[in-house]
Amino acid sequence: MPIVNVTTWPNQSDEKCRELVEELTLTVNRVTGAPFDKITVYIQEIAQNRWGEGGVLGTDPGFAELSRRRTRPAAAPDHGTGTVAPGAAAGAAGAGAGAGAVSA
């Protein structure tokens, strides 16, 4: 029973979501052989003001550039750790500008 979770910003029409669900279902069936009625695809939408990459909220005007930085900005407090949390500086894999991170 494959389950595919797509997490994205809420910016897709119902038609685009339907197309994504159909295409992912077809791909999972082709690759795994799982029957269509056993393949689950769900789309989870996260508001931009609740999504952060590289320590920057998706609503920040400089998000596209700032979320790709690899080091803590000079003015940012380190809260006593001296480092940025692991993985925070690189951003979420494949999750920029509303692209969905997919897990199966």
Protein backbone atom coordinates (compact mmCIF):
# COMPACT_ATOMS: atom_id res chain seq x y z
CA MET A 1 0.00 0.00 0.00
CA PRO A 2 2.16 2.92 -1.22
CA ILE A 3 1.38 6.31 0.30
CA VAL A 4 2.69 9.44 -1.40
CA ASN A 5 2.68 12.70 0.57
CA VAL A 6 3.20 15.97 -1.30
CA THR A 7 3.77 19.04 0.85
CA THR A 8 3.46 22.42 -0.84
CA TRP A 9 2.27 25.98 -0.48
CA PRO A 10 -1.47 26.40 -1.10
CA ASN A 11 -1.23 27.84 -4.60
CA GLN A 12 -2.50 25.09 -6.89
CA SER A 13 -5.92 24.89 -8.48
CA ASP A 14 -8.12 21.84 -7.96
CA GLU A 15 -7.38 20.87 -11.57
CA LYS A 16 -3.61 20.95 -10.97
CA CYS A 17 -4.01 18.91 -7.78
CA ARG A 18 -6.16 16.37 -9.62
CA GLU A 19 -3.53 16.10 -12.37
CA LEU A 20 -0.75 15.65 -9.80
CA VAL A 21 -2.66 12.90 -7.96
CA GLU A 22 -3.41 11.10 -11.22
CA GLU A 23 0.19 11.30 -12.51
CA LEU A 24 1.71 10.19 -9.20
CA THR A 25 -0.72 7.28 -9.01
CA LEU A 26 0.17 6.19 -12.55
CA THR A 27 3.90 6.45 -11.79
CA VAL A 28 3.68 4.49 -8.54
CA ASN A 29 1.65 1.80 -10.31
CA ARG A 30 4.15 1.58 -13.17
CA VAL A 31 7.20 1.43 -10.90
CA THR A 32 5.89 -0.77 -8.08
CA GLY A 33 3.09 -2.71 -9.69
CA ALA A 34 0.76 -1.78 -6.82
CA PRO A 35 -2.91 -1.84 -7.84
CA PHE A 36 -4.54 1.56 -8.27
CA ASP A 37 -6.96 1.03 -5.37
CA LYS A 38 -4.04 0.50 -2.99
CA ILE A 39 -2.16 3.71 -3.92
CA THR A 40 -2.86 6.73 -1.72
CA VAL A 41 -1.75 10.24 -2.65
CA TYR A 42 -2.42 13.21 -0.44
CA ILE A 43 -1.48 16.84 -0.77
CA GLN A 44 -0.67 18.74 2.38
CA GLU A 45 -0.73 22.53 2.04
CA ILE A 46 1.32 24.65 4.40
CA ALA A 47 0.77 28.41 4.47
CA GLN A 48 3.84 30.45 3.49
CA ASN A 49 3.85 32.13 6.91
CA ARG A 50 4.21 28.67 8.49
CA TRP A 51 6.95 27.40 6.14
CA GLY A 52 10.61 28.24 6.65
CA GLU A 53 13.80 27.37 4.85
CA GLY A 54 17.28 28.43 5.97
CA GLY A 55 15.73 30.23 8.93
CA VAL A 56 13.53 32.45 6.71
CA LEU A 57 9.72 32.37 6.49
CA GLY A 58 8.19 31.89 3.05
CA THR A 59 6.49 35.29 3.36
CA ASP A 60 9.83 37.15 3.70
CA PRO A 61 10.31 39.43 0.66
CA GLY A 62 13.88 38.12 0.28
CA PHE A 63 12.89 34.46 0.68
CA ALA A 64 14.20 33.25 -2.69
CA GLU A 65 17.70 34.49 -1.95
CA LEU A 66 17.87 34.27 1.85
CA SER A 67 16.54 30.71 2.06
CA ARG A 68 19.51 29.50 -0.02
CA ARG A 69 22.21 30.89 2.26
CA ARG A 70 24.60 28.39 3.80
CA THR A 71 25.74 30.34 6.85
CA ARG A 72 24.06 32.23 9.68
CA PRO A 73 23.79 35.95 8.95
CA ALA A 74 26.21 38.08 11.01
CA ALA A 75 23.40 39.83 12.88
CA ALA A 76 21.46 36.66 13.80
CA PRO A 77 21.77 35.49 17.42
CA ASP A 78 23.16 31.99 17.89
CA HIS A 79 21.25 31.39 21.14
CA GLY A 80 24.41 30.10 22.76
CA THR A 81 25.07 27.30 20.28
CA GLY A 82 27.40 29.06 17.86
CA THR A 83 25.83 27.15 14.96
CA VAL A 84 22.76 26.88 12.82
CA ALA A 85 20.63 23.82 13.45
CA PRO A 86 21.64 20.87 11.23
CA GLY A 87 19.85 20.99 7.90
CA ALA A 88 18.44 24.46 8.49
CA ALA A 89 21.05 26.28 6.43
CA ALA A 90 20.58 24.11 3.36
CA GLY A 91 16.76 24.30 3.36
CA ALA A 92 14.30 21.49 2.82
CA ALA A 93 15.14 19.23 -0.08
CA GLY A 94 13.18 20.20 -3.15
CA ALA A 95 10.91 22.54 -1.25
CA GLY A 96 11.70 25.99 -2.60
CA ALA A 97 9.19 28.51 -3.89
CA GLY A 98 6.23 26.24 -3.33
CA ALA A 99 7.66 23.05 -4.80
CA GLY A 100 6.53 19.99 -2.93
CA ALA A 101 8.72 17.63 -1.02
CA VAL A 102 7.62 14.12 -1.91
CA SER A 103 7.96 11.00 0.21
CA ALA A 104 6.72 7.53 -0.57
